[in-house]
Every structure is written in C-alpha cells, then in structure tokens.
Amino acid sequence: MATTIKLKQDYYGNQDYGKRAFYILDADGNYSFDFVFIEDLEEWIDWKRGEGKSLEIEYADGNLRIYDSK
C-alpha cells in the first residue's frame, strides 16, 4: 500500500505580499513547516509519485485532486 502525502493550498506569507504554496500536512492533518511553491508543484508530484507515494491535494477553491503512485 502506497503512502499518501496530503497538501493544502494556502499563502506563504499573507494575501497581499505572499505567494501561493501547497503546505504538506502532518499525520493529524495540521500544517507542517514544509511546503511546495505552485511553480514547482508539477515536478514535485512526478518526483513523489516516482518514489511510490500517492498524493491528495486540496486547492484553495476547495477542489480535491488525487494522484496515485506510479
């Protein structure tokens, strides 16, 4: 069974001066200090899927996208 990594889109910084990022949630669903900037997301997804991880990504608009491991 593949490990699932959960990410949630939010701002790194604040809405006025921040940058969109995807925070990696910990096992309890809380924000961790790890994140991926939106510009790097596609490459990061490929990297993690190549490691056998599944991904669950919640976008700011509430949409959920699931990527199964490769």
PDB file of N, CA and C in Angstrom:
ATOM      1  N   MET A   1       0.843  -1.189   0.000  1.00  0.00           N
ATOM      2  CA  MET A   1       0.000   0.000   0.000  1.00  0.00           C
ATOM      3  C   MET A   1       0.883   1.245   0.000  1.00  0.00           C
ATOM      4  N   ALA A   2       0.559   2.182  -0.866  1.00  0.00           N
ATOM      5  CA  ALA A   2       1.353   3.402  -1.004  1.00  0.00           C
ATOM      6  C   ALA A   2       1.058   4.387   0.122  1.00  0.00           C
ATOM      7  N   THR A   3       2.070   5.123   0.494  1.00  0.00           N
ATOM      8  CA  THR A   3       1.911   6.203   1.461  1.00  0.00           C
ATOM      9  C   THR A   3       1.251   7.380   0.755  1.00  0.00           C
ATOM     10  N   THR A   4       0.311   8.025   1.429  1.00  0.00           N
ATOM     11  CA  THR A   4      -0.355   9.197   0.857  1.00  0.00           C
ATOM     12  C   THR A   4       0.157  10.455   1.542  1.00  0.00           C
ATOM     13  N   ILE A   5       0.571  11.405   0.729  1.00  0.00           N
ATOM     14  CA  ILE A   5       1.008  12.713   1.212  1.00  0.00           C
ATOM     15  C   ILE A   5      -0.132  13.689   0.930  1.00  0.00           C
ATOM     16  N   LYS A   6      -0.530  14.450   1.940  1.00  0.00           N
ATOM     17  CA  LYS A   6      -1.618  15.416   1.772  1.00  0.00           C
ATOM     18  C   LYS A   6      -1.056  16.830   1.745  1.00  0.00           C
ATOM     19  N   LEU A   7      -1.534  17.613   0.784  1.00  0.00           N
ATOM     20  CA  LEU A   7      -1.139  19.007   0.652  1.00  0.00           C
ATOM     21  C   LEU A   7      -2.380  19.881   0.628  1.00  0.00           C
ATOM     22  N   LYS A   8      -2.240  21.111   1.096  1.00  0.00           N
ATOM     23  CA  LYS A   8      -3.341  22.072   1.075  1.00  0.00           C
ATOM     24  C   LYS A   8      -2.802  23.415   0.595  1.00  0.00           C
ATOM     25  N   GLN A   9      -3.489  24.003  -0.388  1.00  0.00           N
ATOM     26  CA  GLN A   9      -3.050  25.273  -0.951  1.00  0.00           C
ATOM     27  C   GLN A   9      -3.395  26.423  -0.020  1.00  0.00           C
ATOM     28  N   ASP A  10      -2.448  27.310   0.170  1.00  0.00           N
ATOM     29  CA  ASP A  10      -2.632  28.482   1.015  1.00  0.00           C
ATOM     30  C   ASP A  10      -1.580  29.497   0.593  1.00  0.00           C
ATOM     31  N   TYR A  11      -1.473  30.575   1.345  1.00  0.00           N
ATOM     32  CA  TYR A  11      -0.445  31.571   1.062  1.00  0.00           C
ATOM     33  C   TYR A  11       0.773  31.346   1.931  1.00  0.00           C
ATOM     34  N   TYR A  12       1.950  31.519   1.329  1.00  0.00           N
ATOM     35  CA  TYR A  12       3.198  31.553   2.088  1.00  0.00           C
ATOM     36  C   TYR A  12       3.432  33.038   2.324  1.00  0.00           C
ATOM     37  N   GLY A  13       3.246  33.498   3.520  1.00  0.00           N
ATOM     38  CA  GLY A  13       3.226  34.927   3.815  1.00  0.00           C
ATOM     39  C   GLY A  13       1.785  35.324   4.037  1.00  0.00           C
ATOM     40  N   ASN A  14       1.365  36.430   3.429  1.00  0.00           N
ATOM     41  CA  ASN A  14      -0.040  36.816   3.556  1.00  0.00           C
ATOM     42  C   ASN A  14      -0.636  37.074   2.182  1.00  0.00           C
ATOM     43  N   GLN A  15      -1.926  37.352   2.116  1.00  0.00           N
ATOM     44  CA  GLN A  15      -2.588  37.516   0.821  1.00  0.00           C
ATOM     45  C   GLN A  15      -2.026  38.675   0.021  1.00  0.00           C
ATOM     46  N   ASP A  16      -1.621  39.743   0.654  1.00  0.00           N
ATOM     47  CA  ASP A  16      -1.122  40.904  -0.073  1.00  0.00           C
ATOM     48  C   ASP A  16       0.296  40.707  -0.587  1.00  0.00           C
ATOM     49  N   TYR A  17       1.145  40.127   0.239  1.00  0.00           N
ATOM     50  CA  TYR A  17       2.556  40.006  -0.127  1.00  0.00           C
ATOM     51  C   TYR A  17       3.025  38.568  -0.251  1.00  0.00           C
ATOM     52  N   GLY A  18       2.124  37.648  -0.076  1.00  0.00           N
ATOM     53  CA  GLY A  18       2.501  36.239  -0.079  1.00  0.00           C
ATOM     54  C   GLY A  18       2.558  35.641  -1.463  1.00  0.00           C
ATOM     55  N   LYS A  19       2.850  34.384  -1.477  1.00  0.00           N
ATOM     56  CA  LYS A  19       2.979  33.627  -2.697  1.00  0.00           C
ATOM     57  C   LYS A  19       2.199  32.330  -2.497  1.00  0.00           C
ATOM     58  N   ARG A  20       1.499  31.883  -3.501  1.00  0.00           N
ATOM     59  CA  ARG A  20       0.743  30.635  -3.393  1.00  0.00           C
ATOM     60  C   ARG A  20       1.685  29.466  -3.164  1.00  0.00           C
ATOM     61  N   ALA A  21       1.339  28.644  -2.205  1.00  0.00           N
ATOM     62  CA  ALA A  21       2.136  27.465  -1.890  1.00  0.00           C
ATOM     63  C   ALA A  21       1.207  26.345  -1.462  1.00  0.00           C
ATOM     64  N   PHE A  22       1.709  25.136  -1.493  1.00  0.00           N
ATOM     65  CA  PHE A  22       0.990  23.965  -1.032  1.00  0.00           C
ATOM     66  C   PHE A  22       1.706  23.446   0.199  1.00  0.00           C
ATOM     67  N   TYR A  23       1.043  23.537   1.332  1.00  0.00           N
ATOM     68  CA  TYR A  23       1.631  23.069   2.585  1.00  0.00           C
ATOM     69  C   TYR A  23       1.424  21.569   2.713  1.00  0.00           C
ATOM     70  N   ILE A  24       2.444  20.880   3.186  1.00  0.00           N
ATOM     71  CA  ILE A  24       2.356  19.451   3.431  1.00  0.00           C
ATOM     72  C   ILE A  24       1.774  19.276   4.831  1.00  0.00           C
ATOM     73  N   LEU A  25       0.679  18.536   4.907  1.00  0.00           N
ATOM     74  CA  LEU A  25       0.010  18.326   6.190  1.00  0.00           C
ATOM     75  C   LEU A  25       0.638  17.141   6.918  1.00  0.00           C
ATOM     76  N   ASP A  26       0.674  17.223   8.230  1.00  0.00           N
ATOM     77  CA  ASP A  26       1.219  16.109   9.017  1.00  0.00           C
ATOM     78  C   ASP A  26       0.156  15.020   9.169  1.00  0.00           C
ATOM     79  N   ALA A  27       0.481  13.967   9.880  1.00  0.00           N
ATOM     80  CA  ALA A  27      -0.417  12.819  10.026  1.00  0.00           C
ATOM     81  C   ALA A  27      -1.757  13.184  10.659  1.00  0.00           C
ATOM     82  N   ASP A  28      -1.794  14.254  11.454  1.00  0.00           N
ATOM     83  CA  ASP A  28      -3.035  14.690  12.102  1.00  0.00           C
ATOM     84  C   ASP A  28      -3.811  15.707  11.267  1.00  0.00           C
ATOM     85  N   GLY A  29      -3.316  16.026  10.077  1.00  0.00           N
ATOM     86  CA  GLY A  29      -3.980  16.992   9.211  1.00  0.00           C
ATOM     87  C   GLY A  29      -3.642  18.437   9.522  1.00  0.00           C
ATOM     88  N   ASN A  30      -2.614  18.669  10.348  1.00  0.00           N
ATOM     89  CA  ASN A  30      -2.184  20.019  10.685  1.00  0.00           C
ATOM     90  C   ASN A  30      -1.092  20.483   9.721  1.00  0.00           C
ATOM     91  N   TYR A  31      -0.991  21.779   9.548  1.00  0.00           N
ATOM     92  CA  TYR A  31       0.052  22.347   8.697  1.00  0.00           C
ATOM     93  C   TYR A  31       1.419  22.000   9.268  1.00  0.00           C
ATOM     94  N   SER A  32       2.325  21.637   8.389  1.00  0.00           N
ATOM     95  CA  SER A  32       3.714  21.432   8.795  1.00  0.00           C
ATOM     96  C   SER A  32       4.502  22.653   8.324  1.00  0.00           C
ATOM     97  N   PHE A  33       5.779  22.648   8.544  1.00  0.00           N
ATOM     98  CA  PHE A  33       6.618  23.747   8.081  1.00  0.00           C
ATOM     99  C   PHE A  33       7.149  23.481   6.673  1.00  0.00           C
ATOM    100  N   ASP A  34       6.725  22.383   6.065  1.00  0.00           N
ATOM    101  CA  ASP A  34       7.168  22.014   4.722  1.00  0.00           C
ATOM    102  C   ASP A  34       6.119  22.443   3.707  1.00  0.00           C
ATOM    103  N   PHE A  35       6.585  22.934   2.571  1.00  0.00           N
ATOM    104  CA  PHE A  35       5.661  23.373   1.536  1.00  0.00           C
ATOM    105  C   PHE A  35       6.321  23.277   0.171  1.00  0.00           C
ATOM    106  N   VAL A  36       5.491  23.372  -0.869  1.00  0.00           N
ATOM    107  CA  VAL A  36       5.945  23.358  -2.253  1.00  0.00           C
ATOM    108  C   VAL A  36       5.314  24.574  -2.925  1.00  0.00           C
ATOM    109  N   PHE A  37       6.135  25.411  -3.581  1.00  0.00           N
ATOM    110  CA  PHE A  37       5.570  26.543  -4.316  1.00  0.00           C
ATOM    111  C   PHE A  37       4.854  26.040  -5.553  1.00  0.00           C
ATOM    112  N   ILE A  38       3.835  26.767  -5.972  1.00  0.00           N
ATOM    113  CA  ILE A  38       2.996  26.348  -7.094  1.00  0.00           C
ATOM    114  C   ILE A  38       3.821  26.150  -8.371  1.00  0.00           C
ATOM    115  N   GLU A  39       4.887  26.929  -8.547  1.00  0.00           N
ATOM    116  CA  GLU A  39       5.728  26.812  -9.736  1.00  0.00           C
ATOM    117  C   GLU A  39       6.450  25.471  -9.789  1.00  0.00           C
ATOM    118  N   ASP A  40       6.662  24.841  -8.646  1.00  0.00           N
ATOM    119  CA  ASP A  40       7.402  23.587  -8.570  1.00  0.00           C
ATOM    120  C   ASP A  40       6.501  22.370  -8.403  1.00  0.00           C
ATOM    121  N   LEU A  41       5.202  22.584  -8.344  1.00  0.00           N
ATOM    122  CA  LEU A  41       4.283  21.506  -7.977  1.00  0.00           C
ATOM    123  C   LEU A  41       4.309  20.336  -8.954  1.00  0.00           C
ATOM    124  N   GLU A  42       4.249  20.594 -10.246  1.00  0.00           N
ATOM    125  CA  GLU A  42       4.182  19.513 -11.227  1.00  0.00           C
ATOM    126  C   GLU A  42       5.415  18.605 -11.141  1.00  0.00           C
ATOM    127  N   GLU A  43       6.584  19.200 -11.053  1.00  0.00           N
ATOM    128  CA  GLU A  43       7.826  18.424 -10.939  1.00  0.00           C
ATOM    129  C   GLU A  43       7.856  17.649  -9.611  1.00  0.00           C
ATOM    130  N   TRP A  44       7.404  18.281  -8.539  1.00  0.00           N
ATOM    131  CA  TRP A  44       7.380  17.647  -7.219  1.00  0.00           C
ATOM    132  C   TRP A  44       6.444  16.448  -7.215  1.00  0.00           C
ATOM    133  N   ILE A  45       5.278  16.592  -7.869  1.00  0.00           N
ATOM    134  CA  ILE A  45       4.314  15.491  -7.966  1.00  0.00           C
ATOM    135  C   ILE A  45       4.957  14.303  -8.676  1.00  0.00           C
ATOM    136  N   ASP A  46       5.607  14.547  -9.809  1.00  0.00           N
ATOM    137  CA  ASP A  46       6.267  13.466 -10.552  1.00  0.00           C
ATOM    138  C   ASP A  46       7.331  12.781  -9.707  1.00  0.00           C
ATOM    139  N   TRP A  47       8.110  13.567  -8.962  1.00  0.00           N
ATOM    140  CA  TRP A  47       9.173  13.037  -8.114  1.00  0.00           C
ATOM    141  C   TRP A  47       8.602  12.121  -7.034  1.00  0.00           C
ATOM    142  N   LYS A  48       7.567  12.596  -6.327  1.00  0.00           N
ATOM    143  CA  LYS A  48       6.987  11.815  -5.238  1.00  0.00           C
ATOM    144  C   LYS A  48       6.260  10.574  -5.759  1.00  0.00           C
ATOM    145  N   ARG A  49       5.568  10.700  -6.881  1.00  0.00           N
ATOM    146  CA  ARG A  49       4.906   9.530  -7.457  1.00  0.00           C
ATOM    147  C   ARG A  49       5.924   8.492  -7.892  1.00  0.00           C
ATOM    148  N   GLY A  50       7.074   8.951  -8.393  1.00  0.00           N
ATOM    149  CA  GLY A  50       8.150   8.049  -8.771  1.00  0.00           C
ATOM    150  C   GLY A  50       8.728   7.305  -7.579  1.00  0.00           C
ATOM    151  N   GLU A  51       8.588   7.870  -6.394  1.00  0.00           N
ATOM    152  CA  GLU A  51       9.022   7.218  -5.149  1.00  0.00           C
ATOM    153  C   GLU A  51       7.949   6.275  -4.608  1.00  0.00           C
ATOM    154  N   GLY A  52       6.837   6.141  -5.321  1.00  0.00           N
ATOM    155  CA  GLY A  52       5.769   5.241  -4.890  1.00  0.00           C
ATOM    156  C   GLY A  52       4.757   5.881  -3.961  1.00  0.00           C
ATOM    157  N   LYS A  53       4.757   7.202  -3.874  1.00  0.00           N
ATOM    158  CA  LYS A  53       3.811   7.916  -2.996  1.00  0.00           C
ATOM    159  C   LYS A  53       2.551   8.287  -3.782  1.00  0.00           C
ATOM    160  N   SER A  54       1.425   8.303  -3.085  1.00  0.00           N
ATOM    161  CA  SER A  54       0.190   8.852  -3.628  1.00  0.00           C
ATOM    162  C   SER A  54       0.030  10.246  -3.032  1.00  0.00           C
ATOM    163  N   LEU A  55      -0.671  11.117  -3.743  1.00  0.00           N
ATOM    164  CA  LEU A  55      -0.828  12.497  -3.298  1.00  0.00           C
ATOM    165  C   LEU A  55      -2.298  12.889  -3.282  1.00  0.00           C
ATOM    166  N   GLU A  56      -2.669  13.643  -2.273  1.00  0.00           N
ATOM    167  CA  GLU A  56      -4.011  14.202  -2.156  1.00  0.00           C
ATOM    168  C   GLU A  56      -3.823  15.701  -1.984  1.00  0.00           C
ATOM    169  N   ILE A  57      -4.277  16.480  -2.972  1.00  0.00           N
ATOM    170  CA  ILE A  57      -4.032  17.921  -2.963  1.00  0.00           C
ATOM    171  C   ILE A  57      -5.354  18.669  -2.911  1.00  0.00           C
ATOM    172  N   GLU A  58      -5.494  19.528  -1.888  1.00  0.00           N
ATOM    173  CA  GLU A  58      -6.685  20.359  -1.746  1.00  0.00           C
ATOM    174  C   GLU A  58      -6.332  21.773  -2.198  1.00  0.00           C
ATOM    175  N   TYR A  59      -7.027  22.227  -3.235  1.00  0.00           N
ATOM    176  CA  TYR A  59      -6.780  23.563  -3.767  1.00  0.00           C
ATOM    177  C   TYR A  59      -7.566  24.605  -2.980  1.00  0.00           C
ATOM    178  N   ALA A  60      -7.176  25.860  -3.105  1.00  0.00           N
ATOM    179  CA  ALA A  60      -7.791  26.956  -2.349  1.00  0.00           C
ATOM    180  C   ALA A  60      -9.296  27.062  -2.620  1.00  0.00           C
ATOM    181  N   ASP A  61      -9.724  26.671  -3.820  1.00  0.00           N
ATOM    182  CA  ASP A  61     -11.145  26.760  -4.155  1.00  0.00           C
ATOM    183  C   ASP A  61     -11.959  25.574  -3.621  1.00  0.00           C
ATOM    184  N   GLY A  62     -11.292  24.669  -2.891  1.00  0.00           N
ATOM    185  CA  GLY A  62     -11.979  23.540  -2.290  1.00  0.00           C
ATOM    186  C   GLY A  62     -11.926  22.261  -3.103  1.00  0.00           C
ATOM    187  N   ASN A  63     -11.455  22.352  -4.347  1.00  0.00           N
ATOM    188  CA  ASN A  63     -11.348  21.149  -5.171  1.00  0.00           C
ATOM    189  C   ASN A  63     -10.259  20.241  -4.652  1.00  0.00           C
ATOM    190  N   LEU A  64     -10.489  18.946  -4.753  1.00  0.00           N
ATOM    191  CA  LEU A  64      -9.552  17.941  -4.283  1.00  0.00           C
ATOM    192  C   LEU A  64      -9.059  17.151  -5.483  1.00  0.00           C
ATOM    193  N   ARG A  65      -7.764  16.956  -5.562  1.00  0.00           N
ATOM    194  CA  ARG A  65      -7.172  16.175  -6.668  1.00  0.00           C
ATOM    195  C   ARG A  65      -6.323  15.079  -6.061  1.00  0.00           C
ATOM    196  N   ILE A  66      -6.495  13.864  -6.557  1.00  0.00           N
ATOM    197  CA  ILE A  66      -5.752  12.724  -6.049  1.00  0.00           C
ATOM    198  C   ILE A  66      -4.879  12.165  -7.164  1.00  0.00           C
ATOM    199  N   TYR A  67      -3.616  11.944  -6.848  1.00  0.00           N
ATOM    200  CA  TYR A  67      -2.657  11.349  -7.774  1.00  0.00           C
ATOM    201  C   TYR A  67      -2.207  10.030  -7.185  1.00  0.00           C
ATOM    202  N   ASP A  68      -2.434   8.942  -7.895  1.00  0.00           N
ATOM    203  CA  ASP A  68      -1.971   7.640  -7.426  1.00  0.00           C
ATOM    204  C   ASP A  68      -0.485   7.490  -7.723  1.00  0.00           C
ATOM    205  N   SER A  69       0.163   6.622  -6.958  1.00  0.00           N
ATOM    206  CA  SER A  69       1.574   6.364  -7.194  1.00  0.00           C
ATOM    207  C   SER A  69       1.746   5.731  -8.567  1.00  0.00           C
ATOM    208  N   LYS A  70       2.953   5.846  -9.109  1.00  0.00           N
ATOM    209  CA  LYS A  70       3.223   5.277 -10.435  1.00  0.00           C
ATOM    210  C   LYS A  70       3.487   3.807 -10.322  1.00  0.00           C
TER     211      LYS A  70
END
